[in-house]
Amino acid sequence: MKGSVRIRLARFGRKFQPVYNIVVARARSGRNKLPIEVIGTYNPIPAPLTVEQRENGLRPVKEIHLDTDRSKYWLGVGAQPTEPVARLFRKLGLLSPVWPSPARGPKIPTRETASESRFADE
C-alpha cells in the first residue's frame, strides 16, 4: 500500500511554545498517537540572541535535531513525508529541491483528436 506510512510532525510543548517530534507513523493514526519511531525534534521558536550576537549580524536559528541515517532508511522503504517535513528535509539536503521529481509522476497519454483519428483510417 503506497503511502501507508508517513513522516510527520507531532506537537508537544506548551501554549505558544510548540516543540515538534519528527515521527514515523501510520498515515491514518492520530497526530499524537504512539508512533512507529521518533527520528528527531524540531523547535520552530528560535532562542533569543544577545546584544553582541545581534551586533555581529547573527540571525536566530531554529533547532532541528534529526537522525539522518534513520530518515534515509524510512525514505528508502517508501515512507512519504508530509509537506512541512519535506521542507525541513530539503533544507537539510535529504530531499532534492524539486521533490517529488516531475519525472516520477504518472505518465499521461496524449489524447487524439477526432480529426487526427479520421485521417489515420484513410
PDB file of N, CA and C in Angstrom:
ATOM      1  N   MET A   1       0.843  -1.186   0.000  1.00  0.00           N
ATOM      2  CA  MET A   1       0.000   0.000   0.000  1.00  0.00           C
ATOM      3  C   MET A   1       0.881   1.239   0.000  1.00  0.00           C
ATOM      4  N   LYS A   2       0.764   2.019  -1.040  1.00  0.00           N
ATOM      5  CA  LYS A   2       1.571   3.215  -1.138  1.00  0.00           C
ATOM      6  C   LYS A   2       1.034   4.289  -0.196  1.00  0.00           C
ATOM      7  N   GLY A   3       1.930   4.869   0.569  1.00  0.00           N
ATOM      8  CA  GLY A   3       1.534   5.966   1.439  1.00  0.00           C
ATOM      9  C   GLY A   3       0.932   5.538   2.759  1.00  0.00           C
ATOM     10  N   SER A   4       1.118   4.293   3.153  1.00  0.00           N
ATOM     11  CA  SER A   4       0.527   3.877   4.418  1.00  0.00           C
ATOM     12  C   SER A   4       1.364   4.309   5.614  1.00  0.00           C
ATOM     13  N   VAL A   5       2.630   4.685   5.384  1.00  0.00           N
ATOM     14  CA  VAL A   5       3.497   5.181   6.448  1.00  0.00           C
ATOM     15  C   VAL A   5       3.929   6.594   6.093  1.00  0.00           C
ATOM     16  N   ARG A   6       3.823   7.496   7.052  1.00  0.00           N
ATOM     17  CA  ARG A   6       4.177   8.903   6.831  1.00  0.00           C
ATOM     18  C   ARG A   6       5.232   9.354   7.822  1.00  0.00           C
ATOM     19  N   ILE A   7       6.041  10.311   7.390  1.00  0.00           N
ATOM     20  CA  ILE A   7       6.962  11.010   8.282  1.00  0.00           C
ATOM     21  C   ILE A   7       6.319  12.369   8.523  1.00  0.00           C
ATOM     22  N   ARG A   8       5.969  12.656   9.764  1.00  0.00           N
ATOM     23  CA  ARG A   8       5.231  13.886  10.046  1.00  0.00           C
ATOM     24  C   ARG A   8       5.641  14.461  11.394  1.00  0.00           C
ATOM     25  N   LEU A   9       5.045  15.599  11.732  1.00  0.00           N
ATOM     26  CA  LEU A   9       5.345  16.286  12.982  1.00  0.00           C
ATOM     27  C   LEU A   9       4.278  15.953  14.023  1.00  0.00           C
ATOM     28  N   ALA A  10       4.718  15.713  15.251  1.00  0.00           N
ATOM     29  CA  ALA A  10       3.808  15.516  16.382  1.00  0.00           C
ATOM     30  C   ALA A  10       4.075  16.652  17.360  1.00  0.00           C
ATOM     31  N   ARG A  11       3.040  17.408  17.717  1.00  0.00           N
ATOM     32  CA  ARG A  11       3.209  18.621  18.518  1.00  0.00           C
ATOM     33  C   ARG A  11       3.277  18.309  20.009  1.00  0.00           C
ATOM     34  N   PHE A  12       4.248  18.936  20.669  1.00  0.00           N
ATOM     35  CA  PHE A  12       4.388  18.869  22.114  1.00  0.00           C
ATOM     36  C   PHE A  12       4.689  20.279  22.600  1.00  0.00           C
ATOM     37  N   GLY A  13       4.862  20.459  23.870  1.00  0.00           N
ATOM     38  CA  GLY A  13       5.186  21.776  24.395  1.00  0.00           C
ATOM     39  C   GLY A  13       3.966  22.451  24.989  1.00  0.00           C
ATOM     40  N   ARG A  14       4.148  23.735  25.316  1.00  0.00           N
ATOM     41  CA  ARG A  14       3.074  24.483  25.948  1.00  0.00           C
ATOM     42  C   ARG A  14       2.372  25.380  24.937  1.00  0.00           C
ATOM     43  N   LYS A  15       1.378  26.103  25.427  1.00  0.00           N
ATOM     44  CA  LYS A  15       0.690  27.068  24.581  1.00  0.00           C
ATOM     45  C   LYS A  15       1.681  28.112  24.105  1.00  0.00           C
ATOM     46  N   PHE A  16       1.656  28.422  22.832  1.00  0.00           N
ATOM     47  CA  PHE A  16       2.508  29.430  22.205  1.00  0.00           C
ATOM     48  C   PHE A  16       3.998  29.091  22.269  1.00  0.00           C
ATOM     49  N   GLN A  17       4.354  27.900  22.700  1.00  0.00           N
ATOM     50  CA  GLN A  17       5.745  27.436  22.706  1.00  0.00           C
ATOM     51  C   GLN A  17       5.795  25.997  22.202  1.00  0.00           C
ATOM     52  N   PRO A  18       5.498  25.788  20.922  1.00  0.00           N
ATOM     53  CA  PRO A  18       5.457  24.418  20.425  1.00  0.00           C
ATOM     54  C   PRO A  18       6.850  23.828  20.248  1.00  0.00           C
ATOM     55  N   VAL A  19       6.931  22.530  20.440  1.00  0.00           N
ATOM     56  CA  VAL A  19       8.104  21.728  20.107  1.00  0.00           C
ATOM     57  C   VAL A  19       7.547  20.513  19.393  1.00  0.00           C
ATOM     58  N   TYR A  20       8.156  20.143  18.290  1.00  0.00           N
ATOM     59  CA  TYR A  20       7.641  19.050  17.492  1.00  0.00           C
ATOM     60  C   TYR A  20       8.613  17.883  17.485  1.00  0.00           C
ATOM     61  N   ASN A  21       8.089  16.674  17.590  1.00  0.00           N
ATOM     62  CA  ASN A  21       8.859  15.470  17.324  1.00  0.00           C
ATOM     63  C   ASN A  21       8.645  15.122  15.861  1.00  0.00           C
ATOM     64  N   ILE A  22       9.708  14.756  15.172  1.00  0.00           N
ATOM     65  CA  ILE A  22       9.594  14.257  13.805  1.00  0.00           C
ATOM     66  C   ILE A  22       9.447  12.752  13.935  1.00  0.00           C
ATOM     67  N   VAL A  23       8.281  12.237  13.559  1.00  0.00           N
ATOM     68  CA  VAL A  23       7.952  10.839  13.820  1.00  0.00           C
ATOM     69  C   VAL A  23       7.594  10.109  12.535  1.00  0.00           C
ATOM     70  N   VAL A  24       7.765   8.799  12.578  1.00  0.00           N
ATOM     71  CA  VAL A  24       7.288   7.903  11.537  1.00  0.00           C
ATOM     72  C   VAL A  24       6.059   7.229  12.109  1.00  0.00           C
ATOM     73  N   ALA A  25       4.927   7.392  11.433  1.00  0.00           N
ATOM     74  CA  ALA A  25       3.663   6.857  11.955  1.00  0.00           C
ATOM     75  C   ALA A  25       2.799   6.368  10.805  1.00  0.00           C
ATOM     76  N   ARG A  26       1.838   5.565  11.148  1.00  0.00           N
ATOM     77  CA  ARG A  26       0.857   5.133  10.150  1.00  0.00           C
ATOM     78  C   ARG A  26       0.049   6.338   9.695  1.00  0.00           C
ATOM     79  N   ALA A  27      -0.315   6.352   8.433  1.00  0.00           N
ATOM     80  CA  ALA A  27      -0.969   7.513   7.843  1.00  0.00           C
ATOM     81  C   ALA A  27      -2.317   7.814   8.478  1.00  0.00           C
ATOM     82  N   ARG A  28      -3.027   6.806   8.938  1.00  0.00           N
ATOM     83  CA  ARG A  28      -4.377   7.012   9.460  1.00  0.00           C
ATOM     84  C   ARG A  28      -4.439   7.149  10.968  1.00  0.00           C
ATOM     85  N   SER A  29      -3.288   7.140  11.642  1.00  0.00           N
ATOM     86  CA  SER A  29      -3.314   7.301  13.100  1.00  0.00           C
ATOM     87  C   SER A  29      -3.352   8.783  13.450  1.00  0.00           C
ATOM     88  N   GLY A  30      -3.762   9.098  14.669  1.00  0.00           N
ATOM     89  CA  GLY A  30      -3.873  10.476  15.114  1.00  0.00           C
ATOM     90  C   GLY A  30      -2.518  11.154  15.257  1.00  0.00           C
ATOM     91  N   ARG A  31      -2.538  12.473  15.342  1.00  0.00           N
ATOM     92  CA  ARG A  31      -1.303  13.253  15.372  1.00  0.00           C
ATOM     93  C   ARG A  31      -0.416  12.906  16.557  1.00  0.00           C
ATOM     94  N   ASN A  32      -0.999  12.733  17.739  1.00  0.00           N
ATOM     95  CA  ASN A  32      -0.208  12.474  18.931  1.00  0.00           C
ATOM     96  C   ASN A  32      -0.327  11.024  19.427  1.00  0.00           C
ATOM     97  N   LYS A  33      -0.765  10.119  18.563  1.00  0.00           N
ATOM     98  CA  LYS A  33      -0.801   8.703  18.926  1.00  0.00           C
ATOM     99  C   LYS A  33       0.615   8.154  18.926  1.00  0.00           C
ATOM    100  N   LEU A  34       0.788   6.985  19.508  1.00  0.00           N
ATOM    101  CA  LEU A  34       2.100   6.367  19.604  1.00  0.00           C
ATOM    102  C   LEU A  34       2.659   6.091  18.207  1.00  0.00           C
ATOM    103  N   PRO A  35       3.828   6.656  17.874  1.00  0.00           N
ATOM    104  CA  PRO A  35       4.387   6.483  16.528  1.00  0.00           C
ATOM    105  C   PRO A  35       5.168   5.175  16.415  1.00  0.00           C
ATOM    106  N   ILE A  36       5.546   4.843  15.197  1.00  0.00           N
ATOM    107  CA  ILE A  36       6.414   3.695  14.958  1.00  0.00           C
ATOM    108  C   ILE A  36       7.808   4.014  15.486  1.00  0.00           C
ATOM    109  N   GLU A  37       8.306   5.232  15.180  1.00  0.00           N
ATOM    110  CA  GLU A  37       9.648   5.625  15.602  1.00  0.00           C
ATOM    111  C   GLU A  37       9.739   7.148  15.649  1.00  0.00           C
ATOM    112  N   VAL A  38      10.475   7.675  16.617  1.00  0.00           N
ATOM    113  CA  VAL A  38      10.780   9.106  16.693  1.00  0.00           C
ATOM    114  C   VAL A  38      12.180   9.276  16.121  1.00  0.00           C
ATOM    115  N   ILE A  39      12.303  10.086  15.050  1.00  0.00           N
ATOM    116  CA  ILE A  39      13.601  10.225  14.394  1.00  0.00           C
ATOM    117  C   ILE A  39      14.230  11.594  14.602  1.00  0.00           C
ATOM    118  N   GLY A  40      13.531  12.509  15.283  1.00  0.00           N
ATOM    119  CA  GLY A  40      14.138  13.805  15.525  1.00  0.00           C
ATOM    120  C   GLY A  40      13.191  14.760  16.212  1.00  0.00           C
ATOM    121  N   THR A  41      13.702  15.986  16.456  1.00  0.00           N
ATOM    122  CA  THR A  41      12.894  17.054  17.048  1.00  0.00           C
ATOM    123  C   THR A  41      13.095  18.330  16.247  1.00  0.00           C
ATOM    124  N   TYR A  42      12.101  19.220  16.345  1.00  0.00           N
ATOM    125  CA  TYR A  42      12.148  20.500  15.650  1.00  0.00           C
ATOM    126  C   TYR A  42      11.558  21.551  16.579  1.00  0.00           C
ATOM    127  N   ASN A  43      12.341  22.601  16.848  1.00  0.00           N
ATOM    128  CA  ASN A  43      11.881  23.710  17.674  1.00  0.00           C
ATOM    129  C   ASN A  43      11.761  24.941  16.776  1.00  0.00           C
ATOM    130  N   PRO A  44      10.532  25.346  16.411  1.00  0.00           N
ATOM    131  CA  PRO A  44      10.360  26.464  15.484  1.00  0.00           C
ATOM    132  C   PRO A  44      10.586  27.835  16.109  1.00  0.00           C
ATOM    133  N   ILE A  45      10.668  27.917  17.445  1.00  0.00           N
ATOM    134  CA  ILE A  45      10.893  29.195  18.117  1.00  0.00           C
ATOM    135  C   ILE A  45      12.396  29.347  18.355  1.00  0.00           C
ATOM    136  N   PRO A  46      13.042  30.290  17.673  1.00  0.00           N
ATOM    137  CA  PRO A  46      14.486  30.430  17.860  1.00  0.00           C
ATOM    138  C   PRO A  46      14.825  31.009  19.230  1.00  0.00           C
ATOM    139  N   ALA A  47      15.975  30.617  19.756  1.00  0.00           N
ATOM    140  CA  ALA A  47      16.439  31.146  21.038  1.00  0.00           C
ATOM    141  C   ALA A  47      16.798  32.620  20.854  1.00  0.00           C
ATOM    142  N   PRO A  48      16.509  33.474  21.840  1.00  0.00           N
ATOM    143  CA  PRO A  48      16.829  34.900  21.684  1.00  0.00           C
ATOM    144  C   PRO A  48      18.340  35.122  21.642  1.00  0.00           C
ATOM    145  N   LEU A  49      18.738  36.107  20.841  1.00  0.00           N
ATOM    146  CA  LEU A  49      20.150  36.439  20.704  1.00  0.00           C
ATOM    147  C   LEU A  49      20.558  37.491  21.728  1.00  0.00           C
ATOM    148  N   THR A  50      21.829  37.457  22.079  1.00  0.00           N
ATOM    149  CA  THR A  50      22.357  38.505  22.951  1.00  0.00           C
ATOM    150  C   THR A  50      22.617  39.756  22.112  1.00  0.00           C
ATOM    151  N   VAL A  51      22.857  40.858  22.781  1.00  0.00           N
ATOM    152  CA  VAL A  51      23.106  42.115  22.078  1.00  0.00           C
ATOM    153  C   VAL A  51      24.367  41.990  21.214  1.00  0.00           C
ATOM    154  N   GLU A  52      25.398  41.329  21.746  1.00  0.00           N
ATOM    155  CA  GLU A  52      26.645  41.172  20.994  1.00  0.00           C
ATOM    156  C   GLU A  52      26.430  40.354  19.733  1.00  0.00           C
ATOM    157  N   GLN A  53      25.624  39.302  19.837  1.00  0.00           N
ATOM    158  CA  GLN A  53      25.349  38.474  18.667  1.00  0.00           C
ATOM    159  C   GLN A  53      24.585  39.263  17.616  1.00  0.00           C
ATOM    160  N   ARG A  54      23.626  40.081  18.026  1.00  0.00           N
ATOM    161  CA  ARG A  54      22.876  40.914  17.082  1.00  0.00           C
ATOM    162  C   ARG A  54      23.781  41.921  16.391  1.00  0.00           C
ATOM    163  N   GLU A  55      24.716  42.495  17.156  1.00  0.00           N
ATOM    164  CA  GLU A  55      25.641  43.471  16.567  1.00  0.00           C
ATOM    165  C   GLU A  55      26.568  42.826  15.556  1.00  0.00           C
ATOM    166  N   ASN A  56      26.909  41.559  15.772  1.00  0.00           N
ATOM    167  CA  ASN A  56      27.770  40.835  14.829  1.00  0.00           C
ATOM    168  C   ASN A  56      27.009  40.357  13.597  1.00  0.00           C
ATOM    169  N   GLY A  57      25.720  40.586  13.551  1.00  0.00           N
ATOM    170  CA  GLY A  57      24.919  40.226  12.380  1.00  0.00           C
ATOM    171  C   GLY A  57      24.426  38.795  12.361  1.00  0.00           C
ATOM    172  N   LEU A  58      24.459  38.109  13.498  1.00  0.00           N
ATOM    173  CA  LEU A  58      23.942  36.744  13.545  1.00  0.00           C
ATOM    174  C   LEU A  58      22.419  36.759  13.513  1.00  0.00           C
ATOM    175  N   ARG A  59      21.862  35.713  12.910  1.00  0.00           N
ATOM    176  CA  ARG A  59      20.413  35.575  12.846  1.00  0.00           C
ATOM    177  C   ARG A  59      19.969  34.473  13.788  1.00  0.00           C
ATOM    178  N   PRO A  60      18.766  34.552  14.337  1.00  0.00           N
ATOM    179  CA  PRO A  60      18.269  33.470  15.198  1.00  0.00           C
ATOM    180  C   PRO A  60      18.140  32.173  14.403  1.00  0.00           C
ATOM    181  N   VAL A  61      18.378  31.064  15.079  1.00  0.00           N
ATOM    182  CA  VAL A  61      18.381  29.756  14.424  1.00  0.00           C
ATOM    183  C   VAL A  61      17.308  28.868  15.042  1.00  0.00           C
ATOM    184  N   LYS A  62      16.539  28.218  14.182  1.00  0.00           N
ATOM    185  CA  LYS A  62      15.556  27.239  14.638  1.00  0.00           C
ATOM    186  C   LYS A  62      16.274  25.896  14.755  1.00  0.00           C
ATOM    187  N   GLU A  63      16.063  25.207  15.854  1.00  0.00           N
ATOM    188  CA  GLU A  63      16.798  23.971  16.122  1.00  0.00           C
ATOM    189  C   GLU A  63      16.113  22.772  15.465  1.00  0.00           C
ATOM    190  N   ILE A  64      16.920  22.002  14.739  1.00  0.00           N
ATOM    191  CA  ILE A  64      16.457  20.749  14.145  1.00  0.00           C
ATOM    192  C   ILE A  64      17.473  19.682  14.524  1.00  0.00           C
ATOM    193  N   HIS A  65      17.031  18.682  15.265  1.00  0.00           N
ATOM    194  CA  HIS A  65      17.870  17.532  15.603  1.00  0.00           C
ATOM    195  C   HIS A  65      17.253  16.341  14.891  1.00  0.00           C
ATOM    196  N   LEU A  66      18.036  15.690  14.022  1.00  0.00           N
ATOM    197  CA  LEU A  66      17.486  14.627  13.198  1.00  0.00           C
ATOM    198  C   LEU A  66      18.490  13.492  13.056  1.00  0.00           C
ATOM    199  N   ASP A  67      17.998  12.267  13.158  1.00  0.00           N
ATOM    200  CA  ASP A  67      18.812  11.089  12.882  1.00  0.00           C
ATOM    201  C   ASP A  67      18.746  10.856  11.374  1.00  0.00           C
ATOM    202  N   THR A  68      19.769  11.328  10.651  1.00  0.00           N
ATOM    203  CA  THR A  68      19.724  11.283   9.186  1.00  0.00           C
ATOM    204  C   THR A  68      19.762   9.858   8.644  1.00  0.00           C
ATOM    205  N   ASP A  69      20.459   8.964   9.323  1.00  0.00           N
ATOM    206  CA  ASP A  69      20.508   7.577   8.839  1.00  0.00           C
ATOM    207  C   ASP A  69      19.125   6.941   8.855  1.00  0.00           C
ATOM    208  N   ARG A  70      18.400   7.125   9.957  1.00  0.00           N
ATOM    209  CA  ARG A  70      17.052   6.561  10.046  1.00  0.00           C
ATOM    210  C   ARG A  70      16.094   7.262   9.076  1.00  0.00           C
ATOM    211  N   SER A  71      16.292   8.561   8.869  1.00  0.00           N
ATOM    212  CA  SER A  71      15.450   9.289   7.916  1.00  0.00           C
ATOM    213  C   SER A  71      15.646   8.747   6.506  1.00  0.00           C
ATOM    214  N   LYS A  72      16.899   8.534   6.129  1.00  0.00           N
ATOM    215  CA  LYS A  72      17.184   7.977   4.803  1.00  0.00           C
ATOM    216  C   LYS A  72      16.614   6.573   4.671  1.00  0.00           C
ATOM    217  N   TYR A  73      16.696   5.801   5.753  1.00  0.00           N
ATOM    218  CA  TYR A  73      16.124   4.458   5.720  1.00  0.00           C
ATOM    219  C   TYR A  73      14.626   4.516   5.446  1.00  0.00           C
ATOM    220  N   TRP A  74      13.909   5.342   6.204  1.00  0.00           N
ATOM    221  CA  TRP A  74      12.450   5.392   6.051  1.00  0.00           C
ATOM    222  C   TRP A  74      12.054   5.948   4.696  1.00  0.00           C
ATOM    223  N   LEU A  75      12.804   6.921   4.175  1.00  0.00           N
ATOM    224  CA  LEU A  75      12.521   7.414   2.825  1.00  0.00           C
ATOM    225  C   LEU A  75      12.783   6.311   1.802  1.00  0.00           C
ATOM    226  N   GLY A  76      13.813   5.508   2.052  1.00  0.00           N
ATOM    227  CA  GLY A  76      14.166   4.430   1.135  1.00  0.00           C
ATOM    228  C   GLY A  76      13.144   3.314   1.080  1.00  0.00           C
ATOM    229  N   VAL A  77      12.464   3.045   2.180  1.00  0.00           N
ATOM    230  CA  VAL A  77      11.456   1.980   2.188  1.00  0.00           C
ATOM    231  C   VAL A  77      10.074   2.497   1.802  1.00  0.00           C
ATOM    232  N   GLY A  78       9.965   3.784   1.469  1.00  0.00           N
ATOM    233  CA  GLY A  78       8.716   4.288   0.916  1.00  0.00           C
ATOM    234  C   GLY A  78       7.868   5.146   1.821  1.00  0.00           C
ATOM    235  N   ALA A  79       8.363   5.556   2.978  1.00  0.00           N
ATOM    236  CA  ALA A  79       7.572   6.439   3.840  1.00  0.00           C
ATOM    237  C   ALA A  79       7.451   7.806   3.170  1.00  0.00           C
ATOM    238  N   GLN A  80       6.261   8.361   3.153  1.00  0.00           N
ATOM    239  CA  GLN A  80       6.005   9.638   2.497  1.00  0.00           C
ATOM    240  C   GLN A  80       6.056  10.774   3.511  1.00  0.00           C
ATOM    241  N   PRO A  81       6.943  11.769   3.335  1.00  0.00           N
ATOM    242  CA  PRO A  81       6.960  12.898   4.260  1.00  0.00           C
ATOM    243  C   PRO A  81       5.801  13.857   3.960  1.00  0.00           C
ATOM    244  N   THR A  82       5.264  14.461   5.011  1.00  0.00           N
ATOM    245  CA  THR A  82       4.257  15.495   4.802  1.00  0.00           C
ATOM    246  C   THR A  82       4.968  16.745   4.285  1.00  0.00           C
ATOM    247  N   GLU A  83       4.209  17.725   3.851  1.00  0.00           N
ATOM    248  CA  GLU A  83       4.815  18.916   3.252  1.00  0.00           C
ATOM    249  C   GLU A  83       5.732  19.674   4.218  1.00  0.00           C
ATOM    250  N   PRO A  84       5.347  19.909   5.496  1.00  0.00           N
ATOM    251  CA  PRO A  84       6.283  20.581   6.405  1.00  0.00           C
ATOM    252  C   PRO A  84       7.576  19.785   6.633  1.00  0.00           C
ATOM    253  N   VAL A  85       7.463  18.476   6.727  1.00  0.00           N
ATOM    254  CA  VAL A  85       8.654  17.646   6.922  1.00  0.00           C
ATOM    255  C   VAL A  85       9.496  17.646   5.643  1.00  0.00           C
ATOM    256  N   ALA A  86       8.849  17.619   4.495  1.00  0.00           N
ATOM    257  CA  ALA A  86       9.592  17.671   3.236  1.00  0.00           C
ATOM    258  C   ALA A  86      10.378  18.977   3.127  1.00  0.00           C
ATOM    259  N   ARG A  87       9.783  20.087   3.596  1.00  0.00           N
ATOM    260  CA  ARG A  87      10.501  21.368   3.600  1.00  0.00           C
ATOM    261  C   ARG A  87      11.747  21.299   4.475  1.00  0.00           C
ATOM    262  N   LEU A  88      11.616  20.696   5.663  1.00  0.00           N
ATOM    263  CA  LEU A  88      12.767  20.539   6.555  1.00  0.00           C
ATOM    264  C   LEU A  88      13.825  19.645   5.923  1.00  0.00           C
ATOM    265  N   PHE A  89      13.399  18.555   5.306  1.00  0.00           N
ATOM    266  CA  PHE A  89      14.341  17.639   4.672  1.00  0.00           C
ATOM    267  C   PHE A  89      15.060  18.302   3.500  1.00  0.00           C
ATOM    268  N   ARG A  90      14.362  19.158   2.751  1.00  0.00           N
ATOM    269  CA  ARG A  90      15.025  19.892   1.661  1.00  0.00           C
ATOM    270  C   ARG A  90      16.084  20.831   2.205  1.00  0.00           C
ATOM    271  N   LYS A  91      15.793  21.501   3.324  1.00  0.00           N
ATOM    272  CA  LYS A  91      16.783  22.398   3.932  1.00  0.00           C
ATOM    273  C   LYS A  91      18.008  21.634   4.409  1.00  0.00           C
ATOM    274  N   LEU A  92      17.812  20.416   4.886  1.00  0.00           N
ATOM    275  CA  LEU A  92      18.921  19.600   5.373  1.00  0.00           C
ATOM    276  C   LEU A  92      19.629  18.842   4.255  1.00  0.00           C
ATOM    277  N   GLY A  93      19.072  18.853   3.049  1.00  0.00           N
ATOM    278  CA  GLY A  93      19.699  18.184   1.918  1.00  0.00           C
ATOM    279  C   GLY A  93      19.331  16.719   1.765  1.00  0.00           C
ATOM    280  N   LEU A  94      18.315  16.244   2.476  1.00  0.00           N
ATOM    281  CA  LEU A  94      17.902  14.849   2.347  1.00  0.00           C
ATOM    282  C   LEU A  94      17.007  14.622   1.133  1.00  0.00           C
ATOM    283  N   LEU A  95      16.310  15.640   0.692  1.00  0.00           N
ATOM    284  CA  LEU A  95      15.464  15.550  -0.496  1.00  0.00           C
ATOM    285  C   LEU A  95      15.949  16.554  -1.526  1.00  0.00           C
ATOM    286  N   SER A  96      15.702  16.253  -2.782  1.00  0.00           N
ATOM    287  CA  SER A  96      16.088  17.193  -3.838  1.00  0.00           C
ATOM    288  C   SER A  96      15.173  18.417  -3.785  1.00  0.00           C
ATOM    289  N   PRO A  97      15.639  19.560  -4.290  1.00  0.00           N
ATOM    290  CA  PRO A  97      14.812  20.782  -4.238  1.00  0.00           C
ATOM    291  C   PRO A  97      13.480  20.663  -4.964  1.00  0.00           C
ATOM    292  N   VAL A  98      13.397  19.804  -5.964  1.00  0.00           N
ATOM    293  CA  VAL A  98      12.125  19.602  -6.672  1.00  0.00           C
ATOM    294  C   VAL A  98      11.581  18.221  -6.327  1.00  0.00           C
ATOM    295  N   TRP A  99      11.173  18.053  -5.070  1.00  0.00           N
ATOM    296  CA  TRP A  99      10.619  16.775  -4.644  1.00  0.00           C
ATOM    297  C   TRP A  99       9.122  16.876  -4.563  1.00  0.00           C
ATOM    298  N   PRO A 100       8.326  15.990  -4.997  1.00  0.00           N
ATOM    299  CA  PRO A 100       8.684  14.807  -5.765  1.00  0.00           C
ATOM    300  C   PRO A 100       9.087  15.185  -7.177  1.00  0.00           C
ATOM    301  N   SER A 101       9.954  14.418  -7.742  1.00  0.00           N
ATOM    302  CA  SER A 101      10.504  14.718  -9.061  1.00  0.00           C
ATOM    303  C   SER A 101       9.401  14.694 -10.112  1.00  0.00           C
ATOM    304  N   PRO A 102       9.397  15.676 -11.009  1.00  0.00           N
ATOM    305  CA  PRO A 102       8.374  15.665 -12.060  1.00  0.00           C
ATOM    306  C   PRO A 102       8.480  14.441 -12.957  1.00  0.00           C
ATOM    307  N   ALA A 103       9.670  13.850 -13.050  1.00  0.00           N
ATOM    308  CA  ALA A 103       9.851  12.671 -13.894  1.00  0.00           C
ATOM    309  C   ALA A 103       9.183  11.440 -13.284  1.00  0.00           C
ATOM    310  N   ARG A 104       8.918  11.439 -11.972  1.00  0.00           N
ATOM    311  CA  ARG A 104       8.332  10.281 -11.310  1.00  0.00           C
ATOM    312  C   ARG A 104       6.812  10.283 -11.338  1.00  0.00           C
ATOM    313  N   GLY A 105       6.229  11.336 -11.844  1.00  0.00           N
ATOM    314  CA  GLY A 105       4.777  11.431 -11.853  1.00  0.00           C
ATOM    315  C   GLY A 105       4.152  10.447 -12.820  1.00  0.00           C
ATOM    316  N   PRO A 106       2.841  10.341 -12.809  1.00  0.00           N
ATOM    317  CA  PRO A 106       2.179   9.405 -13.716  1.00  0.00           C
ATOM    318  C   PRO A 106       2.314   9.863 -15.161  1.00  0.00           C
ATOM    319  N   LYS A 107       2.438   8.908 -16.037  1.00  0.00           N
ATOM    320  CA  LYS A 107       2.515   9.201 -17.466  1.00  0.00           C
ATOM    321  C   LYS A 107       1.100   9.418 -17.988  1.00  0.00           C
ATOM    322  N   ILE A 108       0.862  10.566 -18.570  1.00  0.00           N
ATOM    323  CA  ILE A 108      -0.451  10.881 -19.116  1.00  0.00           C
ATOM    324  C   ILE A 108      -0.375  10.703 -20.623  1.00  0.00           C
ATOM    325  N   PRO A 109      -1.151   9.784 -21.158  1.00  0.00           N
ATOM    326  CA  PRO A 109      -1.079   9.559 -22.601  1.00  0.00           C
ATOM    327  C   PRO A 109      -1.625  10.766 -23.357  1.00  0.00           C
ATOM    328  N   THR A 110      -1.055  11.000 -24.527  1.00  0.00           N
ATOM    329  CA  THR A 110      -1.547  12.108 -25.340  1.00  0.00           C
ATOM    330  C   THR A 110      -2.904  11.714 -25.907  1.00  0.00           C
ATOM    331  N   ARG A 111      -3.754  12.690 -26.015  1.00  0.00           N
ATOM    332  CA  ARG A 111      -5.123  12.434 -26.445  1.00  0.00           C
ATOM    333  C   ARG A 111      -5.250  12.737 -27.933  1.00  0.00           C
ATOM    334  N   GLU A 112      -5.849  11.816 -28.637  1.00  0.00           N
ATOM    335  CA  GLU A 112      -6.088  12.027 -30.058  1.00  0.00           C
ATOM    336  C   GLU A 112      -7.331  12.876 -30.246  1.00  0.00           C
ATOM    337  N   THR A 113      -7.275  13.736 -31.194  1.00  0.00           N
ATOM    338  CA  THR A 113      -8.490  14.480 -31.531  1.00  0.00           C
ATOM    339  C   THR A 113      -9.258  13.697 -32.578  1.00  0.00           C
ATOM    340  N   ALA A 114     -10.484  14.035 -32.773  1.00  0.00           N
ATOM    341  CA  ALA A 114     -11.336  13.309 -33.705  1.00  0.00           C
ATOM    342  C   ALA A 114     -10.814  13.446 -35.142  1.00  0.00           C
ATOM    343  N   SER A 115     -10.287  14.627 -35.478  1.00  0.00           N
ATOM    344  CA  SER A 115      -9.804  14.829 -36.853  1.00  0.00           C
ATOM    345  C   SER A 115      -8.554  13.997 -37.108  1.00  0.00           C
ATOM    346  N   GLU A 116      -7.698  13.816 -36.151  1.00  0.00           N
ATOM    347  CA  GLU A 116      -6.494  13.007 -36.344  1.00  0.00           C
ATOM    348  C   GLU A 116      -6.851  11.538 -36.538  1.00  0.00           C
ATOM    349  N   SER A 117      -7.799  11.024 -35.776  1.00  0.00           N
ATOM    350  CA  SER A 117      -8.165   9.624 -35.882  1.00  0.00           C
ATOM    351  C   SER A 117      -8.888   9.339 -37.210  1.00  0.00           C
ATOM    352  N   ARG A 118      -9.610  10.330 -37.736  1.00  0.00           N
ATOM    353  CA  ARG A 118     -10.311  10.177 -39.002  1.00  0.00           C
ATOM    354  C   ARG A 118      -9.308  10.012 -40.147  1.00  0.00           C
ATOM    355  N   PHE A 119      -8.210  10.819 -40.087  1.00  0.00           N
ATOM    356  CA  PHE A 119      -7.202  10.748 -41.144  1.00  0.00           C
ATOM    357  C   PHE A 119      -6.328   9.500 -41.029  1.00  0.00           C
ATOM    358  N   ALA A 120      -6.221   8.938 -39.843  1.00  0.00           N
ATOM    359  CA  ALA A 120      -5.406   7.746 -39.644  1.00  0.00           C
ATOM    360  C   ALA A 120      -6.058   6.530 -40.308  1.00  0.00           C
ATOM    361  N   ASP A 121      -7.403   6.520 -40.390  1.00  0.00           N
ATOM    362  CA  ASP A 121      -8.097   5.370 -41.000  1.00  0.00           C
ATOM    363  C   ASP A 121      -7.938   5.343 -42.494  1.00  0.00           C
ATOM    364  N   GLU A 122      -7.734   6.464 -43.134  1.00  0.00           N
ATOM    365  CA  GLU A 122      -7.677   6.518 -44.605  1.00  0.00           C
ATOM    366  C   GLU A 122      -6.368   6.093 -45.167  1.00  0.00           C
TER     367      GLU A 122
END
